[in-house]
Protein backbone atom coordinates (compact mmCIF):
# COMPACT_ATOMS: atom_id res chain seq x y z
CA MET A 1 15.85 8.86 3.51
CA VAL A 2 13.83 11.52 5.62
CA HIS A 3 15.67 14.68 6.15
CA LYS A 4 13.10 16.91 7.20
CA ALA A 5 10.52 16.12 9.87
CA ILE A 6 6.53 16.97 9.74
CA ALA A 7 5.98 19.94 11.03
CA THR A 8 3.11 18.95 12.85
CA ILE A 9 2.32 18.49 17.03
CA SER A 10 1.74 14.98 18.13
CA ILE A 11 -1.44 14.05 20.08
CA GLY A 12 -2.62 11.70 22.34
CA LEU A 13 -4.98 9.89 21.31
CA LEU A 14 -6.81 6.74 22.40
CA LEU A 15 -6.03 3.81 20.62
CA ILE A 16 -6.75 0.21 21.03
CA SER A 17 -3.93 -2.40 21.39
CA CYS A 18 -4.64 -5.84 21.47
CA GLY A 19 -7.30 -7.13 23.67
CA GLU A 20 -8.14 -3.43 24.59
CA THR A 21 -11.43 -1.61 23.93
CA GLY A 22 -11.87 1.99 23.61
CA ARG A 23 -12.37 4.60 20.84
CA THR A 24 -9.58 5.57 18.56
CA PHE A 25 -8.93 8.33 15.37
CA PHE A 26 -11.53 6.36 13.77
CA ASP A 27 -14.28 7.61 16.07
CA GLN A 28 -13.00 11.45 16.47
CA SER A 29 -13.89 14.23 14.43
CA THR A 30 -10.62 14.94 13.11
CA GLU A 31 -9.91 18.14 11.22
CA TYR A 32 -8.57 17.29 7.73
CA ARG A 33 -5.57 20.11 7.03
CA PRO A 34 -5.41 21.17 3.36
CA VAL A 35 -2.27 20.16 1.07
CA GLU A 36 -1.72 21.76 -2.02
CA ALA A 37 0.78 19.72 -5.00
CA GLU A 38 4.04 21.71 -4.66
CA ARG A 39 4.15 20.46 -8.50
CA LEU A 40 2.09 18.80 -11.41
CA MET A 41 3.52 17.02 -13.49
CA THR A 42 1.68 14.72 -16.68
CA PHE A 43 3.82 12.18 -18.91
CA GLU A 44 1.79 11.34 -21.80
CA GLU A 45 4.02 7.85 -22.00
CA ILE A 46 2.20 6.07 -18.83
CA LEU A 47 -1.14 5.34 -19.96
CA GLN A 48 -3.03 3.24 -17.36
CA PRO A 49 -0.96 3.81 -14.12
CA ARG A 50 -1.40 1.27 -11.44
CA ARG A 51 1.04 1.00 -8.34
CA MET A 52 4.44 2.73 -7.81
CA ARG A 53 7.33 2.76 -5.27
CA MET A 54 10.64 4.62 -4.57
CA ILE A 55 13.63 2.84 -4.74
CA ASP A 56 17.42 4.07 -4.35
CA ASP A 57 15.86 7.59 -5.52
CA ARG A 58 13.91 6.36 -8.39
CA LEU A 59 10.01 6.37 -8.45
CA TYR A 60 8.90 2.81 -10.14
CA VAL A 61 5.42 3.16 -11.65
CA SER A 62 3.44 0.22 -13.02
CA ASP A 63 0.79 0.18 -16.55
CA PHE A 64 -1.97 -1.52 -16.24
CA SER A 65 -1.80 -1.41 -20.46
CA ASN A 66 1.83 -3.47 -20.21
CA GLN A 67 2.75 -0.99 -23.18
CA PRO A 68 5.10 -0.91 -21.39
CA SER A 69 4.88 -2.51 -18.39
CA PHE A 70 6.24 0.21 -15.97
CA HIS A 71 8.14 3.15 -16.01
CA VAL A 72 10.83 4.33 -14.32
CA LEU A 73 11.09 8.00 -13.30
CA LYS A 74 14.02 10.27 -11.57
CA PRO A 75 12.86 12.83 -8.60
CA GLY A 76 14.54 15.99 -8.64
CA LYS A 77 14.93 19.33 -6.81
CA ASN A 78 11.18 20.16 -4.89
CA GLY A 79 9.88 16.57 -6.34
CA ASP A 80 10.17 17.39 -9.63
CA LEU A 81 9.96 13.87 -11.89
CA ARG A 82 12.19 13.34 -15.18
CA TYR A 83 10.68 10.14 -17.18
CA ILE A 84 13.98 8.13 -17.77
CA ARG A 85 12.16 4.77 -19.46
CA GLY A 86 9.56 2.23 -20.20
CA VAL A 87 10.50 -1.43 -19.85
CA GLY A 88 8.90 -4.47 -20.07
CA GLN A 89 5.86 -5.56 -22.41
CA GLU A 90 2.57 -7.55 -22.18
CA GLY A 91 3.68 -12.01 -22.21
CA ARG A 92 4.60 -14.75 -19.95
CA GLY A 93 8.36 -15.20 -20.69
CA PRO A 94 11.84 -13.21 -18.89
CA GLY A 95 10.90 -9.21 -18.95
CA GLU A 96 7.39 -9.57 -19.86
CA PHE A 97 4.52 -9.02 -17.15
CA VAL A 98 0.54 -9.70 -17.16
CA LEU A 99 -0.01 -7.78 -13.87
CA ILE A 100 2.48 -5.94 -11.43
CA GLU A 101 1.29 -5.71 -7.82
CA ASP A 102 4.47 -4.21 -6.51
CA PHE A 103 8.68 -3.57 -6.52
CA ALA A 104 10.62 -3.97 -3.87
CA ASP A 105 14.59 -3.64 -3.15
CA ALA A 106 17.52 -6.13 -2.56
CA ASP A 107 21.22 -5.93 -2.77
CA SER A 108 21.04 -2.89 -5.69
CA LEU A 109 18.27 -5.29 -7.50
CA VAL A 110 14.49 -4.47 -8.21
CA TYR A 111 12.15 -7.17 -7.64
CA ILE A 112 9.15 -6.23 -9.87
CA PHE A 113 6.51 -8.78 -8.29
CA ASP A 114 3.74 -10.09 -10.73
CA GLY A 115 0.72 -11.38 -9.15
CA GLN A 116 -0.88 -12.98 -12.05
CA GLN A 117 2.01 -15.28 -12.78
CA LEU A 118 3.35 -15.40 -9.47
CA LYS A 119 6.84 -14.34 -9.98
CA PHE A 120 9.10 -12.32 -9.66
CA ASN A 121 11.70 -10.23 -12.42
CA ILE A 122 14.90 -9.01 -10.86
CA TYR A 123 15.57 -6.10 -12.88
CA ASP A 124 19.45 -4.34 -12.46
CA PRO A 125 18.75 -0.63 -12.42
CA GLU A 126 22.28 -0.34 -14.22
CA LEU A 127 21.57 -2.80 -16.85
CA PRO A 128 18.46 -1.84 -18.15
CA ALA A 129 18.58 -3.71 -21.33
CA ALA A 130 19.40 -7.15 -19.87
CA THR A 131 16.81 -9.61 -19.71
CA PRO A 132 15.96 -9.70 -16.30
CA VAL A 133 16.32 -12.73 -14.35
CA GLU A 134 13.10 -14.45 -13.27
CA VAL A 135 11.92 -16.15 -9.81
CA PRO A 136 9.09 -18.11 -9.67
CA VAL A 137 6.90 -17.25 -5.94
CA ARG A 138 5.61 -20.53 -4.12
CA THR A 139 2.37 -19.57 -2.45
CA LYS A 140 -0.94 -20.69 -1.50
CA GLY A 141 -2.69 -17.81 -2.25
CA ARG A 142 -2.23 -14.07 -3.73
CA PRO A 143 0.17 -12.00 -2.45
CA LEU A 144 -0.73 -8.12 -3.03
CA SER A 145 2.60 -5.78 -1.65
CA VAL A 146 6.28 -7.37 -1.09
CA TYR A 147 8.95 -5.47 0.81
CA GLY A 148 12.55 -6.51 1.46
CA LEU A 149 14.40 -7.53 4.33
CA PRO A 150 17.56 -7.82 5.70
CA GLY A 151 18.98 -11.21 5.17
CA GLY A 152 17.91 -11.37 1.70
CA LEU A 153 14.17 -12.13 2.69
CA PHE A 154 10.77 -10.91 1.36
CA VAL A 155 8.08 -10.61 2.99
CA SER A 156 4.16 -10.35 1.29
CA GLY A 157 0.39 -8.86 2.78
CA GLY A 158 -1.89 -10.44 0.72
CA LEU A 159 -4.93 -13.04 0.10
CA PHE A 160 -4.03 -16.10 2.05
CA PRO A 161 -6.66 -18.59 3.54
CA ASN A 162 -4.98 -19.09 6.68
CA GLU A 163 -2.61 -16.18 7.44
CA ARG A 164 -2.24 -12.80 7.09
CA PHE A 165 0.87 -12.27 5.63
CA GLN A 166 4.02 -14.56 4.18
CA ILE A 167 7.37 -14.26 4.43
CA TYR A 168 9.90 -15.54 1.35
CA GLY A 169 13.62 -16.37 0.47
CA SER A 170 15.07 -14.65 -2.69
CA ASP A 171 14.54 -17.96 -4.69
CA GLY A 172 10.52 -17.33 -3.64
CA GLN A 173 10.24 -20.14 -1.64
CA ARG A 174 7.79 -19.74 1.46
CA ILE A 175 9.67 -19.84 4.75
CA ALA A 176 6.92 -18.86 6.94
CA GLY A 177 3.19 -17.26 7.28
CA HIS A 178 1.91 -15.62 10.46
CA GLY A 179 -1.08 -13.83 11.83
CA GLU A 180 -4.93 -15.20 12.01
CA LEU A 181 -8.10 -14.18 9.85
CA TYR A 182 -10.66 -12.62 12.20
CA PRO A 183 -13.72 -14.82 11.38
CA PHE A 184 -16.31 -12.17 11.62
CA ASN A 185 -18.69 -14.56 9.87
CA GLU A 186 -18.59 -18.52 10.08
CA SER A 187 -20.38 -19.43 7.22
CA PHE A 188 -17.40 -17.78 5.05
CA THR A 189 -14.32 -20.14 4.57
CA GLY A 190 -10.94 -19.37 4.72
CA ARG A 191 -10.82 -17.99 1.04
CA GLN A 192 -13.60 -15.76 1.46
CA LEU A 193 -12.43 -14.30 4.79
CA ALA A 194 -9.04 -13.84 2.80
CA ILE A 195 -10.81 -12.05 0.11
CA SER A 196 -12.72 -9.45 2.30
CA TRP A 197 -9.59 -9.11 4.92
CA TYR A 198 -7.97 -7.25 1.75
CA SER A 199 -5.15 -5.23 3.24
CA PHE A 200 -2.27 -3.23 1.80
CA SER A 201 0.59 -3.51 3.88
CA ALA A 202 3.99 -1.18 4.61
CA VAL A 203 6.87 -1.83 6.27
CA PRO A 204 9.22 0.67 7.85
CA PRO A 205 13.04 1.16 6.60
CA SER A 206 14.31 -1.04 9.35
CA GLY A 207 12.25 -4.31 8.48
CA ASP A 208 11.29 -5.27 11.88
CA THR A 209 7.58 -4.70 11.77
CA LEU A 210 4.37 -5.00 9.19
CA TYR A 211 1.67 -3.13 9.12
CA LEU A 212 -1.63 -4.26 7.48
CA PHE A 213 -4.60 -1.54 6.35
CA SER A 214 -7.79 -2.99 5.85
CA SER A 215 -9.83 -1.91 2.56
CA ASN A 216 -12.88 -2.86 3.71
CA SER A 217 -13.08 -1.71 7.42
CA ASP A 218 -11.74 0.71 9.81
CA HIS A 219 -8.89 -1.77 10.84
CA ILE A 220 -5.39 -1.42 10.89
CA GLU A 221 -2.78 -4.03 12.72
CA LYS A 222 0.67 -3.76 13.49
CA TYR A 223 3.14 -7.13 13.79
CA SER A 224 6.39 -8.14 14.46
CA LEU A 225 8.53 -9.77 12.14
CA GLN A 226 10.69 -11.30 14.17
CA ASN A 227 8.00 -13.80 15.64
CA GLY A 228 5.24 -13.07 13.17
CA ASP A 229 3.32 -11.51 16.62
CA LEU A 230 0.23 -9.05 16.30
CA LEU A 231 1.50 -6.24 18.88
CA LYS A 232 -1.27 -3.82 18.03
CA THR A 233 -4.51 -3.72 16.64
CA VAL A 234 -6.56 -0.29 15.98
CA LYS A 235 -9.82 -0.24 15.00
CA GLY A 236 -13.17 1.66 14.95
CA ILE A 237 -16.28 1.27 17.02
CA GLU A 238 -18.56 1.99 13.86
CA ASN A 239 -16.93 -0.42 11.33
CA PRO A 240 -14.25 -2.66 12.77
CA TYR A 241 -15.17 -5.59 10.64
CA PRO A 242 -15.39 -5.89 6.69
CA ARG A 243 -19.36 -5.64 6.10
CA MET A 244 -19.78 -8.63 3.39
CA LYS A 245 -22.19 -11.10 2.12
CA LEU A 246 -22.14 -14.05 -0.63
CA GLU A 247 -23.16 -14.20 -3.94
CA THR A 248 -22.68 -16.69 -6.66
CA VAL A 249 -20.58 -15.03 -9.23
CA GLN A 250 -20.04 -17.89 -12.78
CA GLY A 251 -20.39 -20.82 -10.19
CA GLN A 252 -18.38 -19.50 -7.18
CA ASN A 253 -19.43 -17.77 -3.86
CA TRP A 254 -18.08 -14.28 -3.66
CA PRO A 255 -18.13 -11.74 -0.66
CA VAL A 256 -19.45 -8.70 -1.85
CA ASP A 257 -20.34 -5.39 -0.23
CA ASP A 258 -23.05 -5.35 2.97
CA GLY A 259 -22.70 -1.85 3.79
CA SER A 260 -19.14 -1.98 4.15
CA ILE A 261 -16.56 0.83 3.94
CA TYR A 262 -14.07 1.90 1.79
CA GLY A 263 -11.09 2.03 4.01
CA TYR A 264 -7.40 1.91 2.98
CA LEU A 265 -6.41 2.13 -0.70
CA TRP A 266 -2.32 2.00 -0.04
CA ALA A 267 0.27 2.77 2.13
CA ASP A 268 3.79 3.36 2.41
CA ALA A 269 6.68 4.11 5.27
CA ASP A 270 9.54 5.85 5.58
CA GLU A 271 12.09 6.62 8.11
CA GLN A 272 9.75 8.45 10.50
CA TYR A 273 5.74 7.96 9.47
CA ILE A 274 3.57 5.53 7.92
CA TYR A 275 1.48 7.32 5.18
CA ALA A 276 -1.65 5.69 4.34
CA LEU A 277 -4.63 6.64 1.61
CA TYR A 278 -7.52 6.63 3.17
CA SER A 279 -11.54 6.85 1.78
CA GLY A 280 -13.78 6.13 5.03
CA GLU A 281 -17.09 6.59 3.21
CA LEU A 282 -19.46 3.53 2.48
CA GLN A 283 -18.95 1.88 -1.21
CA SER A 284 -22.57 2.13 -1.88
CA ASP A 285 -22.56 5.81 -1.88
CA LEU A 286 -19.61 5.74 -4.11
CA ASP A 287 -19.92 4.87 -8.18
CA ARG A 288 -15.79 3.88 -7.47
CA PHE A 289 -13.03 2.40 -5.78
CA LYS A 290 -11.35 6.11 -4.55
CA ALA A 291 -9.93 8.11 -1.47
CA ASP A 292 -9.04 11.43 -0.84
CA LYS A 293 -7.38 11.54 2.53
CA ILE A 294 -3.67 11.12 3.77
CA HIS A 295 -3.57 9.29 7.61
CA VAL A 296 -0.09 9.89 8.71
CA LEU A 297 0.71 7.65 11.55
CA ASP A 298 3.98 7.20 13.92
CA TYR A 299 4.96 3.53 13.97
CA ASN A 300 3.18 2.68 17.38
CA LEU A 301 -0.20 3.26 15.25
CA ASN A 302 -0.76 6.71 16.87
CA LEU A 303 -2.86 9.13 14.35
CA VAL A 304 -0.09 12.02 13.58
CA THR A 305 -1.69 14.52 11.39
CA ALA A 306 -4.16 13.95 8.91
CA TYR A 307 -4.87 15.38 5.13
CA GLN A 308 -8.00 16.56 2.56
CA LEU A 309 -6.58 16.02 -1.10
CA ASP A 310 -8.19 17.81 -3.80
CA HIS A 311 -7.96 15.09 -5.81
CA TYR A 312 -8.58 11.29 -6.14
CA PRO A 313 -5.75 9.35 -6.43
CA PHE A 314 -5.41 5.33 -6.36
CA THR A 315 -1.96 5.05 -5.12
CA MET A 316 0.65 6.88 -3.59
CA ALA A 317 4.68 6.77 -2.47
CA ALA A 318 6.40 8.14 0.17
CA ASP A 319 9.95 9.92 -1.17
CA GLY A 320 11.42 9.30 1.87
CA HIS A 321 12.13 13.29 2.29
CA GLY A 322 8.96 13.80 4.17
CA GLY A 323 6.86 14.37 1.15
CA ILE A 324 4.45 11.62 -1.14
CA TYR A 325 3.39 11.57 -5.04
CA THR A 326 0.21 10.76 -6.19
CA VAL A 327 -1.07 9.72 -9.42
CA THR A 328 -4.33 10.15 -11.29
CA ASN A 329 -5.31 9.69 -15.03
CA SER A 330 -5.81 12.28 -17.58
CA ALA A 331 -6.81 12.37 -21.34
CA ASP A 332 -3.44 14.08 -21.75
CA GLY A 333 -1.35 10.85 -19.86
CA ALA A 334 -0.62 10.23 -15.81
CA ARG A 335 -1.17 12.74 -14.26
CA PHE A 336 1.56 13.28 -10.87
CA ARG A 337 1.48 15.41 -7.72
CA TYR A 338 3.88 16.31 -5.56
CA LEU A 339 2.52 16.84 -2.22
CA ASP A 340 5.71 18.47 0.41
CA LEU A 341 4.17 17.21 3.67
CA THR A 342 6.67 19.03 5.64
CA ALA A 343 5.36 22.43 4.09
CA ALA A 344 1.79 21.80 5.96
CA SER A 345 1.50 22.67 9.60
CA GLY A 346 -0.74 22.02 11.92
CA SER A 347 -2.21 19.05 13.88
CA VAL A 348 -5.10 16.52 14.16
CA THR A 349 -7.84 17.96 16.63
CA PRO A 350 -10.05 15.02 18.40
CA GLU A 351 -13.62 15.75 19.73
CA PRO A 352 -12.91 16.44 24.10
């Protein structure tokens, strides 16, 4: 996995743990370091990239157009990417997809999670022409990200009415659910709270902890995957909880922006760090969901360093070697950038 460490100096910032109060890096003046793309690559085969993960030295990228449903790329020297193949099509049968939310690995297989159909398609990278095995995911709610765990288990953060994440077996059966939804508005139902607490997750390769990054507030949680305990919370003083109100949409009450920020868009981890794509802008000030900052955190949720990008990706993937891939759309196809964070120096500088 990681063979090079990020050349930064860790800083001692005040962070909030469970039940504590104080200032966090959300409340400090952060010096964002510039980082330039080591590689800039465009692939006309990829029409509408949506999610991506690095699995066994291959980059898997879902395609919202389903033409095809996902793509496999091979990283090379210095972050270069080579297109291998596109797989799948739109539909509801084996090997067909509606909306791919994430990719997970287990036993040299890739579990492709279709969030619209609540199912895994199990793909064998060594037999790309074979029809994938289909496994339904039995859950109440909507998983948004899926990670393989030791022992043939899977964990998913998502939109669950009474909990923050769920654990499944390889057969798709729900085994356990953990975490509580903080009731910032007593009039909200569990479903409405779950939508408001829309979060992206990251799981280190060890598979012993799970991190949830809120999309509507400055709020991060760390959970144990051994017993489901909440180990630490980091939140900002100004935007600690989502600011949402209810509006009637097609006869149903939905939480919508009431002064919230765009927080985190995506997160990933390697053996040393967590990488989180962050905005921090008011939703009312932006014409679309976008972010141009990378927060690099250690496993205890200390901010190690932060970077300002010169573009607005909507997803990213850690390569396991101290770098990340980002992707944006262009008229010529999906545009990938490889950012070698080991080459960027400097650390975050808080206010005195």
